[in-house]
Amino acid sequence: MKTINATVHVQPGKEATFMKLAQALTTSSRAEVGNTRFDLYHRHACNSDFVFVEVYADQAAIVAHRDSAHFQAFLTALAPITNAPMDVMIFDGLGATE
């Protein structure tokens, strides 16, 4: 099992635009083979910081997600509304049944 935490720093005032993009990404990503979780969280202390928490069966599922058309479109649309590059951390772990 692999877990990704990806923090996005959105420009103030662009949160609604981000949420539309994030909703589309979330719907498509949850339907991917090998994806077991794809959630979005909003930081309480900062209205423009968001964190995706993603869980994949293995590295191949992460690669498939990274290379997917919906993720590539998200990255392209995200670039002009962010303050900094996405901060991505990948963790190896054991699932609930392991």
N, C-alpha and C. Protein backbone atom coordinates (compact mmCIF):
# COMPACT_ATOMS: atom_id res chain seq x y z
N MET A 1 0.85 -1.18 0.00
CA MET A 1 0.00 0.00 0.00
C MET A 1 0.89 1.23 0.00
N LYS A 2 0.50 2.24 -0.75
CA LYS A 2 1.22 3.51 -0.82
C LYS A 2 0.23 4.63 -0.54
N THR A 3 0.67 5.59 0.29
CA THR A 3 -0.16 6.75 0.61
C THR A 3 0.57 8.01 0.16
N ILE A 4 -0.17 8.90 -0.45
CA ILE A 4 0.37 10.19 -0.87
C ILE A 4 -0.37 11.29 -0.13
N ASN A 5 0.39 12.22 0.41
CA ASN A 5 -0.15 13.49 0.93
C ASN A 5 0.40 14.58 0.03
N ALA A 6 -0.48 15.27 -0.65
CA ALA A 6 -0.08 16.33 -1.57
C ALA A 6 -0.73 17.64 -1.14
N THR A 7 0.11 18.59 -0.72
CA THR A 7 -0.38 19.88 -0.25
C THR A 7 -0.34 20.88 -1.39
N VAL A 8 -1.44 21.59 -1.56
CA VAL A 8 -1.56 22.61 -2.61
C VAL A 8 -1.78 23.95 -1.95
N HIS A 9 -1.00 24.94 -2.35
CA HIS A 9 -1.11 26.30 -1.83
C HIS A 9 -1.73 27.17 -2.93
N VAL A 10 -3.02 27.43 -2.78
CA VAL A 10 -3.78 28.17 -3.79
C VAL A 10 -3.66 29.67 -3.52
N GLN A 11 -3.61 30.44 -4.59
CA GLN A 11 -3.59 31.89 -4.43
C GLN A 11 -4.88 32.35 -3.77
N PRO A 12 -4.80 33.25 -2.78
CA PRO A 12 -6.02 33.78 -2.16
C PRO A 12 -6.97 34.33 -3.23
N GLY A 13 -8.24 33.98 -3.08
CA GLY A 13 -9.25 34.40 -4.04
C GLY A 13 -9.48 33.40 -5.16
N LYS A 14 -8.63 32.37 -5.25
CA LYS A 14 -8.76 31.35 -6.31
C LYS A 14 -9.29 30.02 -5.77
N GLU A 15 -9.76 30.03 -4.52
CA GLU A 15 -10.20 28.79 -3.88
C GLU A 15 -11.37 28.14 -4.61
N ALA A 16 -12.33 28.93 -5.07
CA ALA A 16 -13.49 28.35 -5.77
C ALA A 16 -13.07 27.69 -7.08
N THR A 17 -12.15 28.32 -7.79
CA THR A 17 -11.63 27.72 -9.02
C THR A 17 -10.93 26.40 -8.71
N PHE A 18 -10.12 26.42 -7.66
CA PHE A 18 -9.43 25.20 -7.25
C PHE A 18 -10.43 24.09 -6.92
N MET A 19 -11.47 24.42 -6.17
CA MET A 19 -12.43 23.40 -5.76
C MET A 19 -13.12 22.75 -6.95
N LYS A 20 -13.41 23.50 -7.99
CA LYS A 20 -14.01 22.91 -9.20
C LYS A 20 -13.03 21.92 -9.83
N LEU A 21 -11.77 22.32 -9.93
CA LEU A 21 -10.75 21.43 -10.49
C LEU A 21 -10.57 20.19 -9.62
N ALA A 22 -10.54 20.41 -8.31
CA ALA A 22 -10.32 19.31 -7.36
C ALA A 22 -11.48 18.31 -7.38
N GLN A 23 -12.70 18.80 -7.51
CA GLN A 23 -13.85 17.90 -7.56
C GLN A 23 -13.77 16.98 -8.77
N ALA A 24 -13.42 17.54 -9.92
CA ALA A 24 -13.30 16.73 -11.13
C ALA A 24 -12.17 15.70 -10.98
N LEU A 25 -11.04 16.14 -10.43
CA LEU A 25 -9.91 15.23 -10.22
C LEU A 25 -10.29 14.12 -9.25
N THR A 26 -10.96 14.47 -8.17
CA THR A 26 -11.34 13.48 -7.16
C THR A 26 -12.26 12.42 -7.74
N THR A 27 -13.26 12.83 -8.49
CA THR A 27 -14.20 11.88 -9.10
C THR A 27 -13.47 10.91 -10.03
N SER A 28 -12.63 11.45 -10.90
CA SER A 28 -11.90 10.59 -11.85
C SER A 28 -10.89 9.69 -11.14
N SER A 29 -10.20 10.22 -10.15
CA SER A 29 -9.16 9.45 -9.46
C SER A 29 -9.75 8.32 -8.65
N ARG A 30 -10.90 8.52 -8.05
CA ARG A 30 -11.54 7.46 -7.26
C ARG A 30 -11.94 6.27 -8.13
N ALA A 31 -12.11 6.50 -9.43
CA ALA A 31 -12.51 5.44 -10.35
C ALA A 31 -11.32 4.66 -10.91
N GLU A 32 -10.11 5.09 -10.61
CA GLU A 32 -8.91 4.43 -11.14
C GLU A 32 -8.71 3.05 -10.51
N VAL A 33 -8.23 2.12 -11.31
CA VAL A 33 -7.84 0.81 -10.81
C VAL A 33 -6.65 1.00 -9.87
N GLY A 34 -6.72 0.42 -8.69
CA GLY A 34 -5.61 0.52 -7.75
C GLY A 34 -5.73 1.67 -6.78
N ASN A 35 -6.73 2.55 -6.95
CA ASN A 35 -6.94 3.64 -6.00
C ASN A 35 -7.95 3.17 -4.97
N THR A 36 -7.59 3.28 -3.69
CA THR A 36 -8.51 2.87 -2.63
C THR A 36 -9.02 4.04 -1.81
N ARG A 37 -8.41 5.21 -2.01
CA ARG A 37 -8.87 6.40 -1.29
C ARG A 37 -8.33 7.64 -2.00
N PHE A 38 -9.17 8.64 -2.10
CA PHE A 38 -8.76 9.91 -2.69
C PHE A 38 -9.63 10.99 -2.05
N ASP A 39 -9.09 11.65 -1.04
CA ASP A 39 -9.84 12.63 -0.27
C ASP A 39 -9.14 13.98 -0.31
N LEU A 40 -9.90 15.03 -0.13
CA LEU A 40 -9.37 16.39 -0.10
C LEU A 40 -9.72 17.03 1.24
N TYR A 41 -8.72 17.64 1.86
CA TYR A 41 -8.91 18.32 3.13
C TYR A 41 -8.50 19.78 2.99
N HIS A 42 -9.16 20.62 3.75
CA HIS A 42 -8.92 22.05 3.76
C HIS A 42 -8.30 22.43 5.08
N ARG A 43 -7.21 23.17 5.05
CA ARG A 43 -6.53 23.56 6.29
C ARG A 43 -7.32 24.65 7.00
N HIS A 44 -7.63 24.44 8.27
CA HIS A 44 -8.41 25.41 9.05
C HIS A 44 -7.69 26.74 9.20
N ALA A 45 -6.40 26.69 9.40
CA ALA A 45 -5.63 27.91 9.69
C ALA A 45 -5.37 28.77 8.47
N CYS A 46 -5.61 28.23 7.28
CA CYS A 46 -5.33 28.99 6.05
C CYS A 46 -6.33 28.58 4.97
N ASN A 47 -7.18 29.50 4.57
CA ASN A 47 -8.25 29.19 3.61
C ASN A 47 -7.75 28.74 2.25
N SER A 48 -6.48 28.99 1.95
CA SER A 48 -5.98 28.66 0.61
C SER A 48 -5.03 27.46 0.59
N ASP A 49 -4.96 26.71 1.70
CA ASP A 49 -4.14 25.50 1.73
C ASP A 49 -5.04 24.26 1.76
N PHE A 50 -4.72 23.30 0.91
CA PHE A 50 -5.51 22.07 0.78
C PHE A 50 -4.56 20.89 0.76
N VAL A 51 -5.04 19.72 1.21
CA VAL A 51 -4.23 18.51 1.19
C VAL A 51 -5.05 17.37 0.60
N PHE A 52 -4.50 16.75 -0.43
CA PHE A 52 -5.06 15.51 -0.96
C PHE A 52 -4.43 14.36 -0.18
N VAL A 53 -5.25 13.41 0.25
CA VAL A 53 -4.76 12.17 0.85
C VAL A 53 -5.21 11.05 -0.08
N GLU A 54 -4.23 10.36 -0.64
CA GLU A 54 -4.50 9.36 -1.67
C GLU A 54 -3.88 8.04 -1.24
N VAL A 55 -4.60 6.96 -1.45
CA VAL A 55 -4.08 5.63 -1.12
C VAL A 55 -4.19 4.76 -2.37
N TYR A 56 -3.07 4.12 -2.68
CA TYR A 56 -2.98 3.26 -3.86
C TYR A 56 -2.51 1.88 -3.47
N ALA A 57 -2.89 0.90 -4.25
CA ALA A 57 -2.51 -0.49 -3.98
C ALA A 57 -1.01 -0.69 -4.10
N ASP A 58 -0.38 0.00 -5.06
CA ASP A 58 1.04 -0.22 -5.31
C ASP A 58 1.60 0.92 -6.16
N GLN A 59 2.89 0.83 -6.46
CA GLN A 59 3.56 1.86 -7.24
C GLN A 59 2.99 1.96 -8.65
N ALA A 60 2.60 0.84 -9.23
CA ALA A 60 2.03 0.86 -10.58
C ALA A 60 0.76 1.70 -10.63
N ALA A 61 -0.05 1.64 -9.58
CA ALA A 61 -1.27 2.45 -9.53
C ALA A 61 -0.94 3.94 -9.42
N ILE A 62 0.13 4.27 -8.70
CA ILE A 62 0.56 5.68 -8.63
C ILE A 62 1.02 6.17 -9.99
N VAL A 63 1.78 5.36 -10.68
CA VAL A 63 2.27 5.74 -12.01
C VAL A 63 1.09 5.92 -12.97
N ALA A 64 0.13 5.03 -12.91
CA ALA A 64 -1.06 5.15 -13.77
C ALA A 64 -1.81 6.44 -13.46
N HIS A 65 -1.94 6.78 -12.19
CA HIS A 65 -2.60 8.04 -11.81
C HIS A 65 -1.81 9.23 -12.33
N ARG A 66 -0.51 9.23 -12.08
CA ARG A 66 0.35 10.34 -12.51
C ARG A 66 0.29 10.56 -14.01
N ASP A 67 0.18 9.48 -14.78
CA ASP A 67 0.17 9.57 -16.23
C ASP A 67 -1.22 9.76 -16.83
N SER A 68 -2.26 9.73 -15.99
CA SER A 68 -3.63 9.81 -16.51
C SER A 68 -3.93 11.18 -17.12
N ALA A 69 -4.81 11.19 -18.08
CA ALA A 69 -5.21 12.44 -18.74
C ALA A 69 -5.84 13.40 -17.75
N HIS A 70 -6.66 12.90 -16.82
CA HIS A 70 -7.33 13.80 -15.88
C HIS A 70 -6.35 14.44 -14.90
N PHE A 71 -5.30 13.71 -14.50
CA PHE A 71 -4.31 14.32 -13.60
C PHE A 71 -3.44 15.33 -14.34
N GLN A 72 -3.06 15.01 -15.55
CA GLN A 72 -2.25 15.94 -16.34
C GLN A 72 -3.03 17.23 -16.63
N ALA A 73 -4.33 17.10 -16.91
CA ALA A 73 -5.17 18.29 -17.14
C ALA A 73 -5.28 19.11 -15.85
N PHE A 74 -5.40 18.44 -14.71
CA PHE A 74 -5.45 19.12 -13.42
C PHE A 74 -4.18 19.93 -13.19
N LEU A 75 -3.03 19.32 -13.43
CA LEU A 75 -1.75 20.03 -13.22
C LEU A 75 -1.65 21.26 -14.10
N THR A 76 -2.08 21.14 -15.34
CA THR A 76 -2.03 22.28 -16.26
C THR A 76 -2.92 23.41 -15.78
N ALA A 77 -4.13 23.09 -15.35
CA ALA A 77 -5.07 24.11 -14.87
C ALA A 77 -4.67 24.66 -13.51
N LEU A 78 -3.96 23.88 -12.71
CA LEU A 78 -3.56 24.28 -11.37
C LEU A 78 -2.44 25.32 -11.38
N ALA A 79 -1.52 25.19 -12.29
CA ALA A 79 -0.31 26.03 -12.30
C ALA A 79 -0.58 27.53 -12.15
N PRO A 80 -1.53 28.11 -12.88
CA PRO A 80 -1.70 29.57 -12.76
C PRO A 80 -2.45 30.03 -11.51
N ILE A 81 -2.94 29.10 -10.69
CA ILE A 81 -3.70 29.54 -9.50
C ILE A 81 -3.02 29.18 -8.19
N THR A 82 -1.78 28.73 -8.26
CA THR A 82 -1.06 28.36 -7.03
C THR A 82 0.07 29.32 -6.73
N ASN A 83 0.47 29.34 -5.47
CA ASN A 83 1.57 30.19 -5.00
C ASN A 83 2.91 29.48 -5.01
N ALA A 84 2.90 28.15 -5.02
CA ALA A 84 4.13 27.37 -4.88
C ALA A 84 3.89 25.99 -5.49
N PRO A 85 4.96 25.29 -5.77
CA PRO A 85 4.78 23.91 -6.26
C PRO A 85 4.06 23.05 -5.22
N MET A 86 3.36 22.05 -5.71
CA MET A 86 2.68 21.11 -4.82
C MET A 86 3.74 20.38 -3.99
N ASP A 87 3.48 20.24 -2.70
CA ASP A 87 4.38 19.51 -1.80
C ASP A 87 3.85 18.09 -1.68
N VAL A 88 4.59 17.14 -2.23
CA VAL A 88 4.12 15.75 -2.30
C VAL A 88 5.01 14.85 -1.45
N MET A 89 4.38 14.07 -0.58
CA MET A 89 5.08 13.08 0.23
C MET A 89 4.43 11.72 -0.03
N ILE A 90 5.27 10.71 -0.27
CA ILE A 90 4.79 9.35 -0.53
C ILE A 90 5.26 8.45 0.60
N PHE A 91 4.33 7.67 1.14
CA PHE A 91 4.61 6.79 2.27
C PHE A 91 4.30 5.35 1.90
N ASP A 92 5.12 4.42 2.35
CA ASP A 92 4.83 3.00 2.26
C ASP A 92 4.12 2.60 3.55
N GLY A 93 3.17 1.70 3.44
CA GLY A 93 2.47 1.29 4.66
C GLY A 93 1.78 -0.03 4.51
N LEU A 94 1.20 -0.46 5.61
CA LEU A 94 0.41 -1.68 5.64
C LEU A 94 -1.05 -1.30 5.66
N GLY A 95 -1.85 -2.00 4.87
CA GLY A 95 -3.28 -1.74 4.86
C GLY A 95 -3.95 -2.36 6.06
N ALA A 96 -5.22 -2.10 6.21
CA ALA A 96 -5.99 -2.59 7.36
C ALA A 96 -6.03 -4.11 7.41
N THR A 97 -5.90 -4.77 6.26
CA THR A 97 -5.99 -6.23 6.23
C THR A 97 -4.62 -6.89 6.20
N GLU A 98 -3.56 -6.11 6.24
CA GLU A 98 -2.20 -6.69 6.16
C GLU A 98 -1.60 -6.86 7.52
